[in-house]
Amino acid sequence: MSEIRDINLRESGEMKISWVEDNMPLLRSIKAEFERDKPFAGLRVALSIHLEAKTAYLCRVLAAGGAEMYVTGSNPLSTQDDVAAALAAGGLNVFAWHGATEAEYKAHIRRVVEAGPNIIIDDGGDLVNLIHNEYPDLIPAVLGGCEETTTGIIRLKSMAKAGLLKFPMVLVNNANCKYLFDNRYGTGQSVWDGINRTTNLIVAGKNVVVAGYGWCGKGVAKRAAGLGASVIVTEVDPIKAIEAVMDGFKVMKMRDAAAIGDFFVTVTGCSGVISEGDFLAMKDGAVLCNAGHFNVEVDMACLERIAVSVKPRRANINGYTLQNGRTLNVIAEGRLVNLAAGDGHPAEIMDMSFAIQALSARFIAENAGSLAPGTVDVPEAIDKRVAAMKLAAWGVQIDKLTAEQEKYLNSWNL
């Protein structure tokens, strides 16, 4: 039933999944718990997350809990065909392959939704958007779901505000154990892993322009500085701009930064962050990439329109030559650089994020019918449990408040 590139690639995929399993102790523990309790028995789970080894292991953890899994990727360039083959060979329903056309990508998402899911696990909101717009008859069977990333949460909140979100969605990205670590340390490392392996250029001594100073942007900027770059931040939020200045970075408008940047990384969740005037101001040889969910932050449609020629410069890099004779180099077609040109976040980071996902999915299953349609915060108990599990995996112990300290902190008459 699966639609994948080549089932014969499964051995390589199994190796990758085995490696991350060894480095994801939280999910291993949850898998054992799910095998015992079967919280998803009789339920169909539709999942759309970047389909690489860490995601594959999450799928196996959910399947161990009794879920009938229907899996696709959340980006045409982030699916790893050998990992998809390993999942399909293990009996899961997988619809994805690397380099899917827009039509193929949408067809794969439809196959997952058409299974009639009871729980949705989304990354960017494509599954939720599709089921609401094209398959409203399937909505009554949906108990709820979980959203992995900032872009998806923006879409969900917009739907909820308009009264259009018809089932509860847990905002996994907003959990402390997700955004404080995944968005900052995970994105910070994986973005530069992708850039460095793809360009083979030195970062030290270069001007790096980071668009957006949310948690992901903070991580990207910090790692760039650690690699020896001079970091420039562009922002629209005055408070975040102040943070960037106080963290030691230069802050300026994108149009001003465009003329001096060597590397550009967009991390905003918005569109048109780097646009025509910026392209025309850039140096010959500037490198552009995006770490936001959709490939709209670097305005690729505009760049393709104003370029007089486009040619491959290196695997996963295209050079766009402008009328002024300068060539701008774009990594991975402006798609997520850490996944389209890399392996995504480190396994230990995704162990925390996917532990939140797995436990939030269980929360949805166990509270079916009692949660109102709309956005739902990750329960504090889940967040705290994942933090405690992570510390235990490290062998780290921390202090506990005494009864007297608890009383003191909860008293107004000191």
Protein backbone atom coordinates (compact mmCIF):
# COMPACT_ATOMS: atom_id res chain seq x y z
CA MET A 1 0.00 0.00 0.00
CA SER A 2 2.97 2.32 0.51
CA GLU A 3 4.23 4.67 -2.20
CA ILE A 4 8.00 5.02 -1.83
CA ARG A 5 10.99 5.30 -4.12
CA ASP A 6 12.63 1.88 -3.66
CA ILE A 7 11.98 -0.82 -1.03
CA ASN A 8 15.49 -2.20 -1.69
CA LEU A 9 16.97 0.80 0.15
CA ARG A 10 15.58 -0.45 3.47
CA GLU A 11 18.87 -1.82 4.86
CA SER A 12 20.50 1.60 4.78
CA GLY A 13 17.41 3.11 6.39
CA GLU A 14 17.42 0.51 9.16
CA MET A 15 21.01 1.44 9.99
CA LYS A 16 20.04 5.09 10.35
CA ILE A 17 17.02 4.31 12.53
CA SER A 18 19.07 1.98 14.71
CA TRP A 19 21.66 4.73 15.25
CA VAL A 20 19.12 7.30 16.41
CA GLU A 21 17.33 4.73 18.58
CA ASP A 22 20.58 4.20 20.48
CA ASN A 23 20.73 7.97 21.09
CA MET A 24 17.08 8.59 22.00
CA PRO A 25 16.67 7.13 25.51
CA LEU A 26 13.47 9.07 26.25
CA LEU A 27 11.65 7.61 23.27
CA ARG A 28 12.98 4.14 24.09
CA SER A 29 11.44 4.42 27.54
CA ILE A 30 8.14 5.70 26.14
CA LYS A 31 8.11 2.89 23.57
CA ALA A 32 8.31 0.30 26.34
CA GLU A 33 5.46 2.07 28.13
CA PHE A 34 3.35 2.17 24.97
CA GLU A 35 3.99 -1.51 24.25
CA ARG A 36 2.56 -2.30 27.67
CA ASP A 37 -0.41 0.11 27.70
CA LYS A 38 -1.41 0.23 24.00
CA PRO A 39 -2.90 3.78 24.25
CA PHE A 40 -3.56 3.94 20.49
CA ALA A 41 -5.17 0.52 20.03
CA GLY A 42 -7.73 0.73 17.25
CA LEU A 43 -6.71 4.27 16.25
CA ARG A 44 -5.34 5.53 12.94
CA VAL A 45 -2.58 8.14 13.24
CA ALA A 46 -1.71 10.40 10.29
CA LEU A 47 1.76 11.91 10.54
CA SER A 48 3.42 14.54 8.35
CA ILE A 49 6.89 15.42 9.63
CA HIS A 50 10.24 15.58 7.83
CA LEU A 51 10.74 11.93 7.02
CA GLU A 52 14.20 11.02 8.26
CA ALA A 53 15.51 8.63 10.92
CA LYS A 54 14.33 10.42 14.08
CA THR A 55 10.82 10.77 12.68
CA ALA A 56 10.87 7.13 11.66
CA TYR A 57 11.64 6.08 15.20
CA LEU A 58 8.77 8.25 16.50
CA CYS A 59 6.50 6.42 14.04
CA ARG A 60 7.65 3.08 15.43
CA VAL A 61 7.06 4.27 18.99
CA LEU A 62 3.47 5.23 18.12
CA ALA A 63 2.97 1.94 16.27
CA ALA A 64 4.22 0.12 19.38
CA GLY A 65 1.31 1.77 21.19
CA GLY A 66 -1.15 0.13 18.82
CA ALA A 67 -1.48 2.93 16.25
CA GLU A 68 -2.15 2.15 12.60
CA MET A 69 0.34 4.57 11.06
CA TYR A 70 -0.07 6.57 7.85
CA VAL A 71 3.10 8.56 7.21
CA THR A 72 4.25 11.23 4.78
CA GLY A 73 6.91 13.94 4.74
CA SER A 74 6.37 17.65 5.36
CA ASN A 75 8.81 18.85 2.70
CA PRO A 76 9.59 17.42 -0.78
CA LEU A 77 13.36 17.61 -0.23
CA SER A 78 13.63 16.37 3.36
CA THR A 79 12.41 12.79 2.86
CA GLN A 80 15.19 10.21 2.95
CA ASP A 81 14.22 7.36 0.62
CA ASP A 82 16.09 4.67 2.54
CA VAL A 83 14.34 5.61 5.78
CA ALA A 84 10.95 5.58 4.03
CA ALA A 85 11.80 2.12 2.68
CA ALA A 86 12.69 0.81 6.15
CA LEU A 87 9.38 2.04 7.58
CA ALA A 88 7.38 0.56 4.71
CA ALA A 89 9.23 -2.76 5.02
CA GLY A 90 8.24 -2.80 8.69
CA GLY A 91 4.55 -2.67 7.84
CA LEU A 92 3.78 1.04 8.17
CA ASN A 93 1.87 2.88 5.43
CA VAL A 94 4.32 5.35 3.91
CA PHE A 95 3.66 7.83 1.11
CA ALA A 96 6.73 9.93 0.36
CA TRP A 97 9.87 10.18 -1.67
CA HIS A 98 12.73 12.63 -2.00
CA GLY A 99 12.40 15.25 -4.71
CA ALA A 100 8.64 14.90 -5.10
CA THR A 101 7.02 17.32 -7.52
CA GLU A 102 4.40 19.66 -6.10
CA ALA A 103 1.68 17.38 -7.49
CA GLU A 104 3.32 14.25 -6.03
CA TYR A 105 3.82 15.91 -2.65
CA LYS A 106 0.15 16.90 -2.45
CA ALA A 107 -0.95 13.45 -3.62
CA HIS A 108 1.05 11.84 -0.81
CA ILE A 109 -0.55 14.12 1.77
CA ARG A 110 -3.96 13.23 0.37
CA ARG A 111 -3.25 9.50 0.69
CA VAL A 112 -2.53 10.00 4.40
CA VAL A 113 -5.65 12.08 5.01
CA GLU A 114 -7.85 9.71 3.01
CA ALA A 115 -7.04 6.98 5.53
CA GLY A 116 -9.49 8.72 7.86
CA PRO A 117 -7.20 9.55 10.79
CA ASN A 118 -8.26 9.69 14.43
CA ILE A 119 -5.12 11.57 15.50
CA ILE A 120 -3.08 13.99 13.36
CA ILE A 121 0.58 14.78 13.96
CA ASP A 122 1.51 17.72 11.77
CA ASP A 123 4.57 19.83 10.98
CA GLY A 124 3.58 23.05 9.28
CA GLY A 125 -0.18 22.48 9.18
CA ASP A 126 -0.60 20.80 5.79
CA LEU A 127 -2.63 17.83 7.10
CA VAL A 128 -4.94 20.01 9.18
CA ASN A 129 -5.39 22.47 6.31
CA LEU A 130 -6.18 19.72 3.80
CA ILE A 131 -8.70 17.85 5.92
CA HIS A 132 -10.58 21.08 6.68
CA ASN A 133 -10.60 22.31 3.07
CA GLU A 134 -11.06 19.12 1.07
CA TYR A 135 -12.19 16.33 3.40
CA PRO A 136 -14.60 17.89 5.92
CA ASP A 137 -16.56 14.63 6.02
CA LEU A 138 -13.57 13.01 7.78
CA ILE A 139 -13.40 15.63 10.55
CA PRO A 140 -15.89 13.92 12.93
CA ALA A 141 -13.53 10.94 13.29
CA VAL A 142 -10.60 13.16 14.33
CA LEU A 143 -10.07 13.18 18.11
CA GLY A 144 -7.38 15.85 17.82
CA GLY A 145 -3.73 16.23 17.03
CA CYS A 146 -0.35 17.82 17.67
CA GLU A 147 1.58 20.54 15.81
CA GLU A 148 5.36 20.45 15.72
CA THR A 149 6.51 23.83 14.50
CA THR A 150 6.05 27.61 14.71
CA THR A 151 4.67 28.00 11.18
CA GLY A 152 1.99 25.41 11.84
CA ILE A 153 0.99 27.09 15.09
CA ILE A 154 0.60 30.42 13.28
CA ARG A 155 -1.79 28.71 10.86
CA LEU A 156 -3.69 26.94 13.65
CA LYS A 157 -4.14 30.11 15.69
CA SER A 158 -5.42 31.90 12.61
CA MET A 159 -7.95 29.11 12.02
CA ALA A 160 -8.99 29.06 15.67
CA LYS A 161 -9.42 32.84 15.77
CA ALA A 162 -11.72 32.60 12.75
CA GLY A 163 -13.67 29.76 14.40
CA LEU A 164 -12.64 27.30 11.70
CA LEU A 165 -10.55 24.77 13.64
CA LYS A 166 -12.89 21.85 14.22
CA PHE A 167 -10.88 19.69 16.63
CA PRO A 168 -8.30 20.22 19.40
CA MET A 169 -4.65 20.63 18.40
CA VAL A 170 -1.87 20.51 20.99
CA LEU A 171 0.79 23.18 20.42
CA VAL A 172 3.85 20.98 20.85
CA ASN A 173 6.22 23.69 19.60
CA ASN A 174 5.24 25.92 22.53
CA ALA A 175 6.28 23.42 25.20
CA ASN A 176 9.36 24.51 27.15
CA CYS A 177 11.10 21.22 26.42
CA LYS A 178 10.58 21.85 22.71
CA TYR A 179 11.29 25.46 21.82
CA LEU A 180 13.97 26.16 24.43
CA PHE A 181 16.13 23.30 23.17
CA ASP A 182 14.94 22.12 19.75
CA ASN A 183 14.44 25.60 18.29
CA ARG A 184 17.57 27.12 19.79
CA TYR A 185 20.23 24.39 20.07
CA GLY A 186 18.81 22.02 17.46
CA THR A 187 18.26 24.62 14.76
CA GLY A 188 21.50 26.39 15.64
CA GLN A 189 23.58 23.27 15.08
CA SER A 190 21.67 21.66 12.22
CA VAL A 191 21.50 24.81 10.09
CA TRP A 192 25.26 25.17 10.14
CA ASP A 193 25.70 21.43 9.61
CA GLY A 194 23.67 21.83 6.41
CA ILE A 195 25.45 24.97 5.24
CA ASN A 196 28.93 23.68 5.96
CA ARG A 197 28.51 20.25 4.39
CA THR A 198 26.88 21.77 1.29
CA THR A 199 29.17 24.75 0.64
CA ASN A 200 32.53 23.56 2.04
CA LEU A 201 33.27 27.25 2.75
CA ILE A 202 34.76 28.78 5.87
CA VAL A 203 32.46 30.78 8.14
CA ALA A 204 35.13 32.45 10.25
CA GLY A 205 35.75 36.04 9.19
CA LYS A 206 32.55 36.24 7.14
CA ASN A 207 29.49 38.45 7.64
CA VAL A 208 26.47 36.28 8.49
CA VAL A 209 23.04 37.88 8.24
CA VAL A 210 20.35 36.16 10.33
CA ALA A 211 16.80 37.28 9.56
CA GLY A 212 14.65 36.83 12.65
CA TYR A 213 15.69 36.65 16.30
CA GLY A 214 13.19 34.23 17.75
CA TRP A 215 14.47 31.08 19.44
CA CYS A 216 15.59 29.56 16.14
CA GLY A 217 17.31 32.77 15.06
CA LYS A 218 19.06 33.02 18.42
CA GLY A 219 20.47 29.55 17.94
CA VAL A 220 21.63 30.24 14.38
CA ALA A 221 23.27 33.54 15.39
CA LYS A 222 25.01 32.03 18.40
CA ARG A 223 26.48 29.16 16.39
CA ALA A 224 27.60 31.54 13.64
CA ALA A 225 29.43 33.62 16.21
CA GLY A 226 30.98 30.45 17.60
CA LEU A 227 32.30 29.65 14.13
CA GLY A 228 34.02 33.04 14.02
CA ALA A 229 31.54 35.04 11.96
CA SER A 230 30.55 38.66 12.41
CA VAL A 231 26.78 38.37 12.92
CA ILE A 232 24.14 40.85 11.74
CA VAL A 233 20.51 40.39 12.81
CA THR A 234 17.49 41.81 10.99
CA GLU A 235 14.18 42.07 12.85
CA VAL A 236 10.72 43.68 12.78
CA ASP A 237 10.13 43.27 16.52
CA PRO A 238 11.81 46.06 18.55
CA ILE A 239 12.05 43.92 21.69
CA LYS A 240 13.81 41.08 19.86
CA ALA A 241 16.07 43.64 18.21
CA ILE A 242 17.09 44.91 21.66
CA GLU A 243 17.84 41.33 22.70
CA ALA A 244 20.08 40.90 19.67
CA VAL A 245 22.00 44.09 20.42
CA MET A 246 22.47 43.12 24.07
CA ASP A 247 23.62 39.66 22.97
CA GLY A 248 26.43 41.39 21.11
CA PHE A 249 25.15 41.37 17.54
CA LYS A 250 24.74 44.21 15.03
CA VAL A 251 21.14 44.98 14.11
CA MET A 252 20.14 46.71 10.87
CA LYS A 253 17.58 46.67 8.08
CA MET A 254 17.83 43.86 5.53
CA ARG A 255 18.45 46.34 2.71
CA ASP A 256 21.51 47.67 4.54
CA ALA A 257 22.72 44.19 5.54
CA ALA A 258 22.28 42.91 1.97
CA ALA A 259 25.29 44.85 0.70
CA ILE A 260 27.73 43.41 3.24
CA GLY A 261 26.50 39.88 3.96
CA ASP A 262 28.39 36.76 2.86
CA PHE A 263 25.88 34.23 4.24
CA PHE A 264 22.15 34.90 4.66
CA VAL A 265 19.89 32.68 6.79
CA THR A 266 16.15 33.42 7.08
CA VAL A 267 14.41 32.15 10.24
CA THR A 268 11.18 34.15 10.47
CA GLY A 269 8.13 32.11 9.39
CA CYS A 270 7.17 35.06 7.15
CA SER A 271 7.32 35.59 3.37
CA GLY A 272 9.40 37.92 1.20
CA VAL A 273 12.03 38.50 3.87
CA ILE A 274 14.74 38.78 1.22
CA SER A 275 13.31 40.46 -1.87
CA GLU A 276 14.28 42.08 -5.17
CA GLY A 277 16.04 45.18 -3.86
CA ASP A 278 18.03 43.02 -1.45
CA PHE A 279 19.13 40.62 -4.22
CA LEU A 280 20.32 43.51 -6.37
CA ALA A 281 22.39 44.94 -3.49
CA MET A 282 24.18 41.68 -2.64
CA LYS A 283 27.82 40.80 -3.27
CA ASP A 284 28.87 38.46 -6.03
CA GLY A 285 29.05 34.97 -4.52
CA ALA A 286 26.71 35.59 -1.58
CA VAL A 287 25.18 32.40 -0.16
CA LEU A 288 21.46 32.38 0.70
CA CYS A 289 19.46 29.78 2.59
CA ASN A 290 16.29 29.40 4.60
CA ALA A 291 15.60 27.72 7.93
CA GLY A 292 11.87 28.50 8.04
CA HIS A 293 9.24 25.90 7.20
CA PHE A 294 8.16 27.13 3.75
CA ASN A 295 10.36 28.24 0.84
CA VAL A 296 8.93 31.76 0.74
CA GLU A 297 11.30 33.63 3.07
CA VAL A 298 13.90 34.03 0.34
CA ASP A 299 11.64 35.23 -2.51
CA MET A 300 12.57 32.50 -4.96
CA ALA A 301 9.89 33.44 -7.49
CA CYS A 302 11.35 36.94 -7.69
CA LEU A 303 14.93 35.68 -7.91
CA GLU A 304 14.04 33.32 -10.74
CA ARG A 305 12.29 36.17 -12.55
CA ILE A 306 15.18 38.67 -12.34
CA ALA A 307 18.00 36.17 -12.97
CA VAL A 308 19.41 36.13 -16.49
CA SER A 309 20.71 32.60 -15.99
CA VAL A 310 20.56 29.79 -13.46
CA LYS A 311 22.99 26.90 -13.20
CA PRO A 312 24.05 24.27 -10.66
CA ARG A 313 27.19 25.32 -8.79
CA ARG A 314 27.56 22.28 -6.54
CA ALA A 315 25.25 19.52 -5.30
CA ASN A 316 22.21 21.25 -3.76
CA ILE A 317 23.39 24.76 -4.74
CA ASN A 318 22.08 26.78 -7.68
CA GLY A 319 23.73 29.99 -8.87
CA TYR A 320 21.45 32.83 -10.03
CA THR A 321 23.27 35.37 -12.19
CA LEU A 322 21.69 38.83 -12.28
CA GLN A 323 21.87 41.56 -14.91
CA ASN A 324 24.57 43.30 -12.86
CA GLY A 325 26.80 40.26 -13.44
CA ARG A 326 26.74 39.08 -9.82
CA THR A 327 25.85 35.50 -8.96
CA LEU A 328 23.87 34.62 -5.84
CA ASN A 329 24.11 31.04 -4.58
CA VAL A 330 20.97 29.47 -3.10
CA ILE A 331 21.08 26.25 -1.07
CA ALA A 332 18.33 23.62 -1.45
CA GLU A 333 16.00 25.77 -3.56
CA GLY A 334 15.32 28.01 -0.56
CA ARG A 335 13.79 25.13 1.39
CA LEU A 336 14.69 24.13 4.95
CA VAL A 337 18.47 24.05 4.80
CA ASN A 338 18.97 21.82 7.85
CA LEU A 339 16.78 19.07 6.38
CA ALA A 340 16.89 19.59 2.61
CA ALA A 341 20.70 19.85 2.82
CA GLY A 342 21.34 17.92 6.03
CA ASP A 343 20.05 15.34 8.50
CA GLY A 344 18.02 17.72 10.63
CA HIS A 345 18.41 18.26 14.36
CA PRO A 346 20.68 16.01 16.43
CA ALA A 347 19.05 12.84 17.76
CA GLU A 348 19.38 13.87 21.42
CA ILE A 349 17.48 17.11 20.76
CA MET A 350 14.69 15.40 18.82
CA ASP A 351 14.45 12.85 21.61
CA MET A 352 12.97 15.60 23.78
CA SER A 353 10.74 17.08 21.07
CA PHE A 354 9.37 13.72 19.98
CA ALA A 355 8.87 12.64 23.59
CA ILE A 356 6.58 15.68 23.89
CA GLN A 357 4.88 14.62 20.63
CA ALA A 358 4.33 11.02 21.74
CA LEU A 359 3.00 11.93 25.18
CA SER A 360 0.80 14.69 23.74
CA ALA A 361 -0.68 12.21 21.26
CA ARG A 362 -1.43 9.92 24.19
CA PHE A 363 -3.04 12.88 25.99
CA ILE A 364 -5.33 13.38 22.98
CA ALA A 365 -6.26 9.69 22.90
CA GLU A 366 -6.98 9.54 26.63
CA ASN A 367 -9.04 12.75 26.66
CA ALA A 368 -11.09 12.12 23.52
CA GLY A 369 -14.35 14.01 23.67
CA SER A 370 -13.42 16.18 26.65
CA LEU A 371 -11.22 18.68 24.78
CA ALA A 372 -12.91 21.53 22.94
CA PRO A 373 -11.97 22.34 19.33
CA GLY A 374 -9.16 24.86 19.13
CA THR A 375 -5.54 25.16 20.25
CA VAL A 376 -4.42 23.38 23.41
CA ASP A 377 -1.23 23.96 25.40
CA VAL A 378 0.96 20.98 26.24
CA PRO A 379 0.02 20.00 29.81
CA GLU A 380 2.65 21.15 32.29
CA ALA A 381 2.89 17.61 33.66
CA ILE A 382 4.07 16.35 30.26
CA ASP A 383 6.62 19.16 29.93
CA LYS A 384 7.99 18.54 33.42
CA ARG A 385 8.04 14.77 32.91
CA VAL A 386 10.13 15.07 29.74
CA ALA A 387 12.56 17.41 31.52
CA ALA A 388 12.91 14.96 34.40
CA MET A 389 13.46 12.08 31.97
CA LYS A 390 16.19 14.03 30.18
CA LEU A 391 18.03 14.79 33.42
CA ALA A 392 17.74 11.16 34.48
CA ALA A 393 19.17 10.02 31.14
CA TRP A 394 22.16 12.28 31.80
CA GLY A 395 22.50 11.04 35.37
CA VAL A 396 21.89 14.57 36.67
CA GLN A 397 20.17 15.15 40.00
CA ILE A 398 18.71 18.44 41.19
CA ASP A 399 17.45 19.80 44.51
CA LYS A 400 13.83 19.70 45.66
CA LEU A 401 12.00 22.30 47.70
CA THR A 402 11.42 21.45 51.34
CA ALA A 403 7.92 21.77 52.81
CA GLU A 404 9.04 24.97 54.52
CA GLN A 405 10.30 26.41 51.24
CA GLU A 406 7.05 25.49 49.47
CA LYS A 407 5.11 27.26 52.22
CA TYR A 408 7.36 30.33 51.97
CA LEU A 409 6.99 30.60 48.21
CA ASN A 410 3.20 30.31 48.40
CA SER A 411 2.74 32.76 51.27
CA TRP A 412 1.88 36.43 50.92
CA ASN A 413 2.49 37.34 54.56
CA LEU A 414 6.28 36.98 54.74
